[in-house]
Structures are given as C-alpha cells and as structure tokens.
Amino acid sequence: MISSNDFRPGVSIVIDGSVWRVVEFLHVKPGKGAAFVRTKLKNVQTGNVVEKTFRAGETVPQANLEKSVMQHTYKEGEDFIFMDMESYEESRLTKTQIGDRVKYLKEGMEVNVVRWNEQVLEVELPNSVVLEVIETDPGVKGDTATGGNKPALVETGATVMVPLFISQGEKIKVDIRNDTYLGREKD
C-alpha cells in the first residue's frame, strides 16, 4: 500500500484491477477543509488518461511491477521472440503487446519488458535508435540541413522525416518518442 502523500510521477498503483501510472500530482491544502491530492493517472494497459482526486493520506495498493531485460532475437509470423538476458528463456510477444514502437524494433535490440501478475504491460525501447536508411529520394549537391525535409524509409519499416542531404545507405539516429531525426551516426 502507498499513501497518496507519497505519489510521484512514475509511481504505479492499482485501481479497480488495472495498473495506473501517476503522470502529475498536486498537493492542495485549502484554507477551509481537509487537504487532498489531485492527480493525473495514465492506464498502463490502455493508455487512457484520467484525473482523480484522493484524500491526503489515503492509501491505495501499489503495483508490483517486474522489469526484465530481454533481447529481440527474431520474428516468427506475427510473433516477436525475445530472450531473457538472465535466464536465457524465450518469450513470445505480439504486436499489440509491444505497442506502436514496434516499428523501431530490430533484431538484437535489448528492451525492458514490464510485467504485472505475469501479464506483459509494456515493452520499453531505448529513447533513440540507430537505423539504416533503406529508401529515400537522392540528395542533390547544395542540399543543406536547413533546406527542408523529405521522408526516408528505415530498415525496420518506419518512415522518418530527414534533411535533404541524407542519402540511401546512411545510418541515422532517430528519437522514437516523437519520430524525429537526431543526426547522422558515425561508424
């Protein structure tokens, strides 16, 4: 159990059989009446965001999440096969379990798999990944970094907007949180 006074961003709690993560919180002490904690909670399974108010000192169950480092080894049909880096056991995860970041998942990548009651809640990829540009319009002499952007297809199948001077075969660094180009990667 955790007190509402101990809420911090990132704390996971259980409400009505679902895991919710505290996104924002605010302790309010009105001049009249009891203090309370106003929170913004995000459902880890569905992504829904709600605002909820708790009495100060109210206790709620804390979610005991297990985080394990796993490596994506290969894809078989629609399933993604991961190997636990400690026990070397294999696990199968579906595209829906991984979420929308599946477009940046490549073989050999290490990820954090978060579980609650033996159920996979989310797969955390690194914030940035290095990917090879497979297809894009050719760069022309005189193209500069400030001249505009063009779409580029990377090795995982995702499309990223890149500067005009980027050409096919180059390795680029991509921020997967907002699908943005961060720069060229030196070999």
N, C-alpha and C. Protein backbone atom coordinates (compact mmCIF):
# COMPACT_ATOMS: atom_id res chain seq x y z
N MET A 1 0.85 -1.18 0.00
CA MET A 1 0.00 0.00 0.00
C MET A 1 0.89 1.24 0.00
N ILE A 2 0.41 2.27 -0.66
CA ILE A 2 1.14 3.53 -0.72
C ILE A 2 0.18 4.66 -0.38
N SER A 3 0.68 5.63 0.34
CA SER A 3 -0.13 6.78 0.73
C SER A 3 -0.19 7.77 -0.44
N SER A 4 -1.31 8.47 -0.55
CA SER A 4 -1.44 9.47 -1.61
C SER A 4 -0.43 10.60 -1.40
N ASN A 5 0.07 10.77 -0.17
CA ASN A 5 1.09 11.79 0.10
C ASN A 5 2.43 11.42 -0.53
N ASP A 6 2.63 10.14 -0.84
CA ASP A 6 3.89 9.67 -1.41
C ASP A 6 3.85 9.56 -2.94
N PHE A 7 2.80 10.04 -3.58
CA PHE A 7 2.71 9.98 -5.04
C PHE A 7 3.81 10.82 -5.66
N ARG A 8 4.42 10.29 -6.70
CA ARG A 8 5.42 10.97 -7.51
C ARG A 8 5.20 10.53 -8.95
N PRO A 9 5.62 11.32 -9.93
CA PRO A 9 5.49 10.87 -11.32
C PRO A 9 6.23 9.55 -11.52
N GLY A 10 5.55 8.60 -12.16
CA GLY A 10 6.14 7.29 -12.43
C GLY A 10 5.71 6.22 -11.45
N VAL A 11 5.10 6.59 -10.32
CA VAL A 11 4.63 5.60 -9.35
C VAL A 11 3.44 4.85 -9.95
N SER A 12 3.43 3.53 -9.81
CA SER A 12 2.35 2.70 -10.36
C SER A 12 1.45 2.22 -9.23
N ILE A 13 0.13 2.39 -9.42
CA ILE A 13 -0.84 1.97 -8.42
C ILE A 13 -1.91 1.10 -9.08
N VAL A 14 -2.67 0.38 -8.26
CA VAL A 14 -3.75 -0.48 -8.78
C VAL A 14 -5.08 0.13 -8.36
N ILE A 15 -5.94 0.40 -9.34
CA ILE A 15 -7.29 0.90 -9.09
C ILE A 15 -8.24 0.07 -9.94
N ASP A 16 -9.24 -0.52 -9.29
CA ASP A 16 -10.25 -1.34 -9.98
C ASP A 16 -9.63 -2.43 -10.85
N GLY A 17 -8.57 -3.06 -10.38
CA GLY A 17 -7.96 -4.17 -11.09
C GLY A 17 -7.10 -3.79 -12.28
N SER A 18 -6.81 -2.51 -12.44
CA SER A 18 -5.95 -2.05 -13.53
C SER A 18 -4.76 -1.29 -12.96
N VAL A 19 -3.66 -1.31 -13.71
CA VAL A 19 -2.46 -0.60 -13.28
C VAL A 19 -2.49 0.81 -13.88
N TRP A 20 -2.30 1.80 -13.01
CA TRP A 20 -2.29 3.20 -13.40
C TRP A 20 -0.96 3.81 -12.98
N ARG A 21 -0.39 4.65 -13.82
CA ARG A 21 0.87 5.32 -13.51
C ARG A 21 0.59 6.80 -13.27
N VAL A 22 1.16 7.34 -12.19
CA VAL A 22 0.99 8.76 -11.87
C VAL A 22 1.79 9.58 -12.87
N VAL A 23 1.11 10.47 -13.59
CA VAL A 23 1.76 11.35 -14.56
C VAL A 23 2.05 12.70 -13.90
N GLU A 24 1.05 13.24 -13.20
CA GLU A 24 1.19 14.51 -12.49
C GLU A 24 0.48 14.41 -11.16
N PHE A 25 0.93 15.18 -10.20
CA PHE A 25 0.23 15.23 -8.92
C PHE A 25 0.37 16.63 -8.33
N LEU A 26 -0.58 17.00 -7.47
CA LEU A 26 -0.55 18.30 -6.82
C LEU A 26 -1.18 18.17 -5.44
N HIS A 27 -0.42 18.49 -4.41
CA HIS A 27 -0.96 18.51 -3.05
C HIS A 27 -1.66 19.84 -2.86
N VAL A 28 -2.93 19.79 -2.47
CA VAL A 28 -3.72 21.01 -2.28
C VAL A 28 -4.13 21.09 -0.82
N LYS A 29 -3.84 22.24 -0.19
CA LYS A 29 -4.24 22.48 1.20
C LYS A 29 -5.13 23.72 1.21
N PRO A 30 -6.44 23.51 1.05
CA PRO A 30 -7.33 24.68 1.04
C PRO A 30 -7.39 25.32 2.43
N GLY A 31 -7.77 26.58 2.48
CA GLY A 31 -7.87 27.27 3.76
C GLY A 31 -8.95 26.68 4.64
N LYS A 32 -9.92 26.10 4.03
CA LYS A 32 -11.04 25.52 4.78
C LYS A 32 -11.20 24.07 4.31
N GLY A 33 -11.30 23.15 5.22
CA GLY A 33 -11.49 21.75 4.83
C GLY A 33 -10.19 20.97 4.85
N ALA A 34 -10.29 19.70 4.48
CA ALA A 34 -9.14 18.79 4.53
C ALA A 34 -8.29 18.90 3.27
N ALA A 35 -7.01 18.58 3.41
CA ALA A 35 -6.10 18.58 2.27
C ALA A 35 -6.41 17.40 1.36
N PHE A 36 -6.05 17.54 0.07
CA PHE A 36 -6.26 16.45 -0.88
C PHE A 36 -5.15 16.46 -1.92
N VAL A 37 -5.09 15.39 -2.68
CA VAL A 37 -4.07 15.25 -3.73
C VAL A 37 -4.79 15.09 -5.06
N ARG A 38 -4.55 16.02 -5.96
CA ARG A 38 -5.14 15.97 -7.30
C ARG A 38 -4.11 15.32 -8.22
N THR A 39 -4.50 14.26 -8.94
CA THR A 39 -3.55 13.52 -9.79
C THR A 39 -4.06 13.39 -11.22
N LYS A 40 -3.12 13.16 -12.10
CA LYS A 40 -3.43 12.76 -13.47
C LYS A 40 -2.82 11.38 -13.62
N LEU A 41 -3.66 10.38 -13.92
CA LEU A 41 -3.23 8.99 -13.99
C LEU A 41 -3.36 8.47 -15.42
N LYS A 42 -2.40 7.62 -15.82
CA LYS A 42 -2.44 7.00 -17.15
C LYS A 42 -2.54 5.50 -16.97
N ASN A 43 -3.53 4.88 -17.62
CA ASN A 43 -3.69 3.43 -17.57
C ASN A 43 -2.58 2.81 -18.41
N VAL A 44 -1.79 1.95 -17.78
CA VAL A 44 -0.63 1.36 -18.48
C VAL A 44 -1.09 0.43 -19.59
N GLN A 45 -2.21 -0.29 -19.39
CA GLN A 45 -2.66 -1.25 -20.40
C GLN A 45 -3.31 -0.57 -21.60
N THR A 46 -4.18 0.43 -21.35
CA THR A 46 -4.95 1.02 -22.45
C THR A 46 -4.43 2.37 -22.91
N GLY A 47 -3.68 3.08 -22.05
CA GLY A 47 -3.19 4.40 -22.42
C GLY A 47 -4.15 5.52 -22.07
N ASN A 48 -5.33 5.19 -21.51
CA ASN A 48 -6.29 6.23 -21.13
C ASN A 48 -5.73 7.09 -20.02
N VAL A 49 -6.06 8.38 -20.05
CA VAL A 49 -5.61 9.31 -19.02
C VAL A 49 -6.84 9.87 -18.31
N VAL A 50 -6.81 9.83 -16.95
CA VAL A 50 -7.92 10.38 -16.16
C VAL A 50 -7.36 11.25 -15.05
N GLU A 51 -8.19 12.16 -14.57
CA GLU A 51 -7.83 12.96 -13.41
C GLU A 51 -8.62 12.41 -12.23
N LYS A 52 -7.93 12.21 -11.11
CA LYS A 52 -8.57 11.63 -9.94
C LYS A 52 -8.06 12.37 -8.70
N THR A 53 -8.95 12.57 -7.75
CA THR A 53 -8.61 13.25 -6.51
C THR A 53 -8.64 12.25 -5.36
N PHE A 54 -7.61 12.28 -4.53
CA PHE A 54 -7.51 11.42 -3.35
C PHE A 54 -7.46 12.30 -2.11
N ARG A 55 -8.00 11.81 -0.99
CA ARG A 55 -7.84 12.49 0.28
C ARG A 55 -6.38 12.40 0.68
N ALA A 56 -5.85 13.40 1.35
CA ALA A 56 -4.47 13.37 1.82
C ALA A 56 -4.32 12.21 2.80
N GLY A 57 -3.31 11.39 2.60
CA GLY A 57 -3.06 10.25 3.47
C GLY A 57 -3.83 9.00 3.11
N GLU A 58 -4.71 9.05 2.11
CA GLU A 58 -5.46 7.87 1.68
C GLU A 58 -4.48 6.85 1.11
N THR A 59 -4.69 5.57 1.44
CA THR A 59 -3.78 4.54 0.93
C THR A 59 -4.44 3.77 -0.20
N VAL A 60 -3.62 3.45 -1.20
CA VAL A 60 -4.07 2.66 -2.35
C VAL A 60 -3.01 1.58 -2.59
N PRO A 61 -3.41 0.44 -3.20
CA PRO A 61 -2.42 -0.61 -3.46
C PRO A 61 -1.39 -0.16 -4.50
N GLN A 62 -0.13 -0.44 -4.22
CA GLN A 62 0.92 -0.13 -5.18
C GLN A 62 1.13 -1.33 -6.08
N ALA A 63 1.30 -1.11 -7.35
CA ALA A 63 1.51 -2.20 -8.31
C ALA A 63 2.96 -2.66 -8.23
N ASN A 64 3.15 -3.95 -8.02
CA ASN A 64 4.49 -4.53 -8.01
C ASN A 64 4.84 -4.97 -9.42
N LEU A 65 5.58 -4.13 -10.11
CA LEU A 65 5.95 -4.40 -11.49
C LEU A 65 7.30 -5.09 -11.55
N GLU A 66 7.40 -6.08 -12.42
CA GLU A 66 8.67 -6.77 -12.66
C GLU A 66 9.22 -6.28 -13.98
N LYS A 67 10.46 -5.83 -13.97
CA LYS A 67 11.10 -5.35 -15.19
C LYS A 67 12.27 -6.28 -15.51
N SER A 68 12.27 -6.83 -16.71
CA SER A 68 13.37 -7.72 -17.09
C SER A 68 13.95 -7.27 -18.42
N VAL A 69 15.27 -7.41 -18.54
CA VAL A 69 15.96 -7.05 -19.78
C VAL A 69 15.88 -8.24 -20.71
N MET A 70 15.36 -7.99 -21.91
CA MET A 70 15.23 -9.05 -22.90
C MET A 70 15.78 -8.56 -24.23
N GLN A 71 16.23 -9.51 -25.04
CA GLN A 71 16.78 -9.20 -26.36
C GLN A 71 15.86 -9.77 -27.43
N HIS A 72 15.54 -8.92 -28.41
CA HIS A 72 14.73 -9.38 -29.54
C HIS A 72 15.62 -10.23 -30.44
N THR A 73 15.29 -11.53 -30.53
CA THR A 73 16.15 -12.43 -31.31
C THR A 73 15.67 -12.62 -32.75
N TYR A 74 14.36 -12.82 -32.94
CA TYR A 74 13.84 -12.98 -34.29
C TYR A 74 12.32 -12.83 -34.30
N LYS A 75 11.76 -12.80 -35.51
CA LYS A 75 10.31 -12.69 -35.67
C LYS A 75 9.83 -13.97 -36.35
N GLU A 76 8.74 -14.52 -35.82
CA GLU A 76 8.17 -15.74 -36.39
C GLU A 76 6.70 -15.49 -36.65
N GLY A 77 6.34 -15.32 -37.91
CA GLY A 77 4.96 -14.98 -38.25
C GLY A 77 4.62 -13.60 -37.72
N GLU A 78 3.59 -13.52 -36.88
CA GLU A 78 3.20 -12.24 -36.27
C GLU A 78 3.79 -12.07 -34.88
N ASP A 79 4.49 -13.09 -34.38
CA ASP A 79 5.05 -13.04 -33.03
C ASP A 79 6.50 -12.58 -33.05
N PHE A 80 6.87 -11.85 -32.00
CA PHE A 80 8.25 -11.41 -31.82
C PHE A 80 8.84 -12.25 -30.70
N ILE A 81 9.99 -12.85 -30.95
CA ILE A 81 10.62 -13.74 -29.98
C ILE A 81 11.70 -12.96 -29.23
N PHE A 82 11.61 -12.99 -27.89
CA PHE A 82 12.57 -12.31 -27.03
C PHE A 82 13.25 -13.32 -26.13
N MET A 83 14.53 -13.07 -25.81
CA MET A 83 15.27 -13.94 -24.91
C MET A 83 15.61 -13.16 -23.65
N ASP A 84 15.28 -13.74 -22.49
CA ASP A 84 15.62 -13.14 -21.21
C ASP A 84 17.13 -13.18 -21.06
N MET A 85 17.76 -12.05 -20.75
CA MET A 85 19.21 -11.97 -20.69
C MET A 85 19.79 -12.60 -19.42
N GLU A 86 18.96 -12.94 -18.44
CA GLU A 86 19.45 -13.59 -17.22
C GLU A 86 19.22 -15.10 -17.25
N SER A 87 18.00 -15.51 -17.60
CA SER A 87 17.68 -16.94 -17.57
C SER A 87 17.80 -17.62 -18.94
N TYR A 88 17.94 -16.84 -20.00
CA TYR A 88 18.04 -17.33 -21.38
C TYR A 88 16.77 -18.05 -21.84
N GLU A 89 15.64 -17.77 -21.19
CA GLU A 89 14.37 -18.33 -21.63
C GLU A 89 13.78 -17.44 -22.71
N GLU A 90 13.05 -18.07 -23.65
CA GLU A 90 12.43 -17.32 -24.73
C GLU A 90 10.98 -17.01 -24.41
N SER A 91 10.52 -15.84 -24.85
CA SER A 91 9.13 -15.42 -24.69
C SER A 91 8.62 -14.91 -26.02
N ARG A 92 7.34 -15.15 -26.27
CA ARG A 92 6.71 -14.66 -27.49
C ARG A 92 5.82 -13.48 -27.12
N LEU A 93 5.97 -12.38 -27.84
CA LEU A 93 5.12 -11.21 -27.65
C LEU A 93 4.48 -10.84 -28.97
N THR A 94 3.25 -10.37 -28.90
CA THR A 94 2.54 -9.96 -30.12
C THR A 94 2.76 -8.48 -30.38
N LYS A 95 2.37 -8.06 -31.56
CA LYS A 95 2.49 -6.66 -31.96
C LYS A 95 1.69 -5.75 -31.02
N THR A 96 0.52 -6.22 -30.57
CA THR A 96 -0.30 -5.39 -29.68
C THR A 96 0.33 -5.26 -28.30
N GLN A 97 1.03 -6.28 -27.82
CA GLN A 97 1.70 -6.20 -26.53
C GLN A 97 2.86 -5.20 -26.57
N ILE A 98 3.54 -5.12 -27.70
CA ILE A 98 4.69 -4.22 -27.83
C ILE A 98 4.22 -2.78 -28.03
N GLY A 99 3.14 -2.59 -28.76
CA GLY A 99 2.61 -1.25 -28.98
C GLY A 99 3.12 -0.63 -30.27
N ASP A 100 2.92 0.69 -30.38
CA ASP A 100 3.25 1.39 -31.63
C ASP A 100 4.75 1.55 -31.85
N ARG A 101 5.57 1.30 -30.84
CA ARG A 101 7.01 1.41 -31.02
C ARG A 101 7.60 0.19 -31.74
N VAL A 102 6.74 -0.76 -32.09
CA VAL A 102 7.21 -1.96 -32.80
C VAL A 102 7.89 -1.58 -34.12
N LYS A 103 7.56 -0.42 -34.67
CA LYS A 103 8.14 0.00 -35.94
C LYS A 103 9.63 0.32 -35.83
N TYR A 104 10.16 0.43 -34.60
CA TYR A 104 11.59 0.69 -34.42
C TYR A 104 12.34 -0.51 -33.84
N LEU A 105 11.66 -1.63 -33.68
CA LEU A 105 12.27 -2.82 -33.09
C LEU A 105 13.06 -3.58 -34.14
N LYS A 106 14.35 -3.81 -33.85
CA LYS A 106 15.16 -4.59 -34.78
C LYS A 106 15.84 -5.72 -34.03
N GLU A 107 16.25 -6.73 -34.76
CA GLU A 107 16.87 -7.92 -34.16
C GLU A 107 18.15 -7.54 -33.43
N GLY A 108 18.32 -8.15 -32.25
CA GLY A 108 19.50 -7.88 -31.44
C GLY A 108 19.32 -6.74 -30.45
N MET A 109 18.20 -6.02 -30.55
CA MET A 109 17.96 -4.88 -29.66
C MET A 109 17.54 -5.36 -28.28
N GLU A 110 18.12 -4.75 -27.24
CA GLU A 110 17.73 -5.06 -25.87
C GLU A 110 16.65 -4.09 -25.42
N VAL A 111 15.60 -4.64 -24.80
CA VAL A 111 14.47 -3.84 -24.34
C VAL A 111 14.13 -4.24 -22.90
N ASN A 112 13.37 -3.40 -22.23
CA ASN A 112 12.86 -3.72 -20.90
C ASN A 112 11.41 -4.17 -21.05
N VAL A 113 11.10 -5.36 -20.56
CA VAL A 113 9.73 -5.87 -20.60
C VAL A 113 9.15 -5.73 -19.19
N VAL A 114 8.06 -4.97 -19.07
CA VAL A 114 7.44 -4.72 -17.77
C VAL A 114 6.23 -5.63 -17.63
N ARG A 115 6.21 -6.40 -16.53
CA ARG A 115 5.12 -7.35 -16.28
C ARG A 115 4.47 -7.03 -14.94
N TRP A 116 3.17 -7.36 -14.87
CA TRP A 116 2.39 -7.26 -13.64
C TRP A 116 1.51 -8.49 -13.58
N ASN A 117 1.62 -9.28 -12.51
CA ASN A 117 0.88 -10.54 -12.37
C ASN A 117 1.06 -11.44 -13.60
N GLU A 118 2.30 -11.59 -14.05
CA GLU A 118 2.66 -12.43 -15.20
C GLU A 118 2.06 -11.95 -16.53
N GLN A 119 1.53 -10.75 -16.54
CA GLN A 119 0.94 -10.18 -17.76
C GLN A 119 1.86 -9.06 -18.25
N VAL A 120 2.20 -9.08 -19.55
CA VAL A 120 3.06 -8.04 -20.11
C VAL A 120 2.26 -6.75 -20.23
N LEU A 121 2.77 -5.70 -19.57
CA LEU A 121 2.11 -4.39 -19.64
C LEU A 121 2.67 -3.54 -20.76
N GLU A 122 4.00 -3.49 -20.84
CA GLU A 122 4.61 -2.66 -21.87
C GLU A 122 6.02 -3.14 -22.17
N VAL A 123 6.49 -2.75 -23.33
CA VAL A 123 7.85 -3.03 -23.75
C VAL A 123 8.52 -1.67 -23.94
N GLU A 124 9.57 -1.42 -23.14
CA GLU A 124 10.27 -0.14 -23.19
C GLU A 124 11.49 -0.26 -24.09
N LEU A 125 11.48 0.47 -25.20
CA LEU A 125 12.63 0.51 -26.09
C LEU A 125 13.53 1.66 -25.66
N PRO A 126 14.78 1.68 -26.11
CA PRO A 126 15.64 2.84 -25.82
C PRO A 126 15.02 4.10 -26.42
N ASN A 127 15.36 5.27 -25.88
CA ASN A 127 14.78 6.52 -26.38
C ASN A 127 15.22 6.85 -27.79
N SER A 128 16.43 6.40 -28.18
CA SER A 128 16.89 6.64 -29.54
C SER A 128 17.54 5.38 -30.08
N VAL A 129 17.39 5.18 -31.38
CA VAL A 129 17.96 4.01 -32.05
C VAL A 129 18.70 4.44 -33.31
N VAL A 130 19.70 3.64 -33.70
CA VAL A 130 20.44 3.89 -34.93
C VAL A 130 19.90 2.95 -35.99
N LEU A 131 19.43 3.52 -37.10
CA LEU A 131 18.83 2.73 -38.17
C LEU A 131 19.42 3.13 -39.52
N GLU A 132 19.43 2.18 -40.44
CA GLU A 132 19.93 2.45 -41.78
C GLU A 132 18.80 2.90 -42.68
N VAL A 133 19.07 3.92 -43.50
CA VAL A 133 18.09 4.42 -44.46
C VAL A 133 18.07 3.46 -45.64
N ILE A 134 16.90 2.86 -45.91
CA ILE A 134 16.76 1.89 -46.99
C ILE A 134 16.33 2.57 -48.28
N GLU A 135 15.44 3.56 -48.15
CA GLU A 135 14.91 4.19 -49.35
C GLU A 135 14.58 5.65 -49.07
N THR A 136 15.07 6.53 -49.93
CA THR A 136 14.74 7.95 -49.87
C THR A 136 15.11 8.59 -51.20
N ASP A 137 14.59 9.76 -51.43
CA ASP A 137 14.94 10.47 -52.66
C ASP A 137 16.42 10.81 -52.62
N PRO A 138 17.10 10.79 -53.76
CA PRO A 138 18.54 11.08 -53.75
C PRO A 138 18.82 12.53 -53.36
N GLY A 139 19.94 12.70 -52.67
CA GLY A 139 20.35 14.06 -52.30
C GLY A 139 21.00 14.74 -53.49
N VAL A 140 20.85 16.05 -53.57
CA VAL A 140 21.39 16.83 -54.69
C VAL A 140 22.43 17.78 -54.11
N LYS A 141 23.48 18.05 -54.86
CA LYS A 141 24.52 18.97 -54.39
C LYS A 141 23.88 20.32 -54.07
N GLY A 142 24.22 20.84 -52.91
CA GLY A 142 23.65 22.12 -52.49
C GLY A 142 22.57 21.95 -51.43
N ASP A 143 22.11 20.71 -51.21
CA ASP A 143 21.13 20.49 -50.15
C ASP A 143 21.79 20.73 -48.80
N THR A 144 21.12 21.45 -47.94
CA THR A 144 21.67 21.77 -46.62
C THR A 144 20.72 21.30 -45.54
N ALA A 145 21.19 21.39 -44.31
CA ALA A 145 20.39 20.93 -43.17
C ALA A 145 19.14 21.79 -42.98
N THR A 146 19.21 23.05 -43.37
CA THR A 146 18.06 23.95 -43.16
C THR A 146 17.18 24.08 -44.39
N GLY A 147 17.48 23.30 -45.42
CA GLY A 147 16.75 23.43 -46.67
C GLY A 147 15.40 22.74 -46.71
N GLY A 148 15.06 21.94 -45.74
CA GLY A 148 13.78 21.24 -45.74
C GLY A 148 13.94 19.78 -45.35
N ASN A 149 12.86 19.05 -45.44
CA ASN A 149 12.86 17.64 -45.05
C ASN A 149 12.25 16.78 -46.15
N LYS A 150 12.56 15.49 -46.09
CA LYS A 150 11.99 14.52 -47.02
C LYS A 150 11.77 13.23 -46.24
N PRO A 151 10.82 12.38 -46.68
CA PRO A 151 10.60 11.11 -45.98
C PRO A 151 11.70 10.10 -46.33
N ALA A 152 12.06 9.29 -45.32
CA ALA A 152 13.04 8.22 -45.54
C ALA A 152 12.51 6.95 -44.88
N LEU A 153 12.58 5.85 -45.61
CA LEU A 153 12.18 4.54 -45.09
C LEU A 153 13.42 3.91 -44.46
N VAL A 154 13.31 3.49 -43.19
CA VAL A 154 14.45 2.89 -42.49
C VAL A 154 14.29 1.37 -42.46
N GLU A 155 15.33 0.67 -42.00
CA GLU A 155 15.39 -0.79 -42.08
C GLU A 155 14.28 -1.52 -41.34
N THR A 156 13.65 -0.89 -40.36
CA THR A 156 12.58 -1.55 -39.61
C THR A 156 11.21 -1.34 -40.24
N GLY A 157 11.13 -0.51 -41.29
CA GLY A 157 9.86 -0.27 -41.96
C GLY A 157 9.21 1.05 -41.58
N ALA A 158 9.80 1.78 -40.65
CA ALA A 158 9.25 3.07 -40.23
C ALA A 158 9.66 4.15 -41.22
N THR A 159 8.86 5.21 -41.30
CA THR A 159 9.18 6.35 -42.13
C THR A 159 9.49 7.54 -41.23
N VAL A 160 10.64 8.17 -41.48
CA VAL A 160 11.11 9.29 -40.66
C VAL A 160 11.41 10.46 -41.59
N MET A 161 11.07 11.66 -41.16
CA MET A 161 11.41 12.86 -41.92
C MET A 161 12.87 13.21 -41.65
N VAL A 162 13.68 13.32 -42.72
CA VAL A 162 15.11 13.59 -42.59
C VAL A 162 15.47 14.80 -43.44
N PRO A 163 16.63 15.43 -43.17
CA PRO A 163 17.07 16.55 -44.03
C PRO A 163 17.35 16.08 -45.45
N LEU A 164 17.35 17.01 -46.37
CA LEU A 164 17.50 16.70 -47.79
C LEU A 164 18.84 16.04 -48.13
N PHE A 165 19.90 16.28 -47.35
CA PHE A 165 21.22 15.74 -47.69
C PHE A 165 21.41 14.27 -47.31
N ILE A 166 20.49 13.69 -46.58
CA ILE A 166 20.61 12.28 -46.20
C ILE A 166 20.34 11.41 -47.43
N SER A 167 21.20 10.40 -47.63
CA SER A 167 21.03 9.54 -48.80
C SER A 167 20.87 8.08 -48.37
N GLN A 168 20.48 7.27 -49.31
CA GLN A 168 20.24 5.84 -49.08
C GLN A 168 21.52 5.17 -48.60
N GLY A 169 21.40 4.26 -47.60
CA GLY A 169 22.54 3.53 -47.08
C GLY A 169 23.19 4.16 -45.86
N GLU A 170 22.84 5.42 -45.55
CA GLU A 170 23.42 6.08 -44.37
C GLU A 170 22.73 5.60 -43.11
N LYS A 171 23.45 5.65 -42.01
CA LYS A 171 22.89 5.30 -40.70
C LYS A 171 22.53 6.61 -40.00
N ILE A 172 21.30 6.65 -39.48
CA ILE A 172 20.83 7.85 -38.79
C ILE A 172 20.35 7.49 -37.39
N LYS A 173 20.36 8.47 -36.51
CA LYS A 173 19.87 8.29 -35.15
C LYS A 173 18.47 8.89 -35.09
N VAL A 174 17.50 8.11 -34.53
CA VAL A 174 16.10 8.54 -34.50
C VAL A 174 15.60 8.53 -33.06
N ASP A 175 14.92 9.60 -32.66
CA ASP A 175 14.27 9.66 -31.35
C ASP A 175 12.90 9.00 -31.52
N ILE A 176 12.69 7.84 -30.87
CA ILE A 176 11.45 7.10 -31.10
C ILE A 176 10.28 7.65 -30.32
N ARG A 177 10.52 8.54 -29.36
CA ARG A 177 9.41 9.11 -28.58
C ARG A 177 8.56 10.04 -29.44
N ASN A 178 9.19 10.73 -30.40
CA ASN A 178 8.43 11.64 -31.26
C ASN A 178 8.78 11.50 -32.74
N ASP A 179 9.38 10.37 -33.12
CA ASP A 179 9.67 10.04 -34.53
C ASP A 179 10.49 11.12 -35.23
N THR A 180 11.51 11.65 -34.57
CA THR A 180 12.31 12.71 -35.18
C THR A 180 13.75 12.27 -35.44
N TYR A 181 14.31 12.86 -36.47
CA TYR A 181 15.71 12.65 -36.85
C TYR A 181 16.60 13.41 -35.87
N LEU A 182 17.63 12.73 -35.34
CA LEU A 182 18.55 13.38 -34.40
C LEU A 182 19.90 13.69 -35.03
N GLY A 183 20.28 12.94 -36.05
CA GLY A 183 21.58 13.21 -36.69
C GLY A 183 22.12 11.96 -37.36
N ARG A 184 23.23 12.13 -38.06
CA ARG A 184 23.92 11.00 -38.68
C ARG A 184 24.66 10.24 -37.61
N GLU A 185 24.85 8.95 -37.85
CA GLU A 185 25.62 8.13 -36.92
C GLU A 185 26.94 7.80 -37.59
N LYS A 186 28.03 8.08 -36.87
CA LYS A 186 29.35 7.77 -37.40
C LYS A 186 29.66 6.31 -37.13
N ASP A 187 30.24 5.63 -38.10
CA ASP A 187 30.58 4.22 -37.94
C ASP A 187 31.78 4.00 -37.07
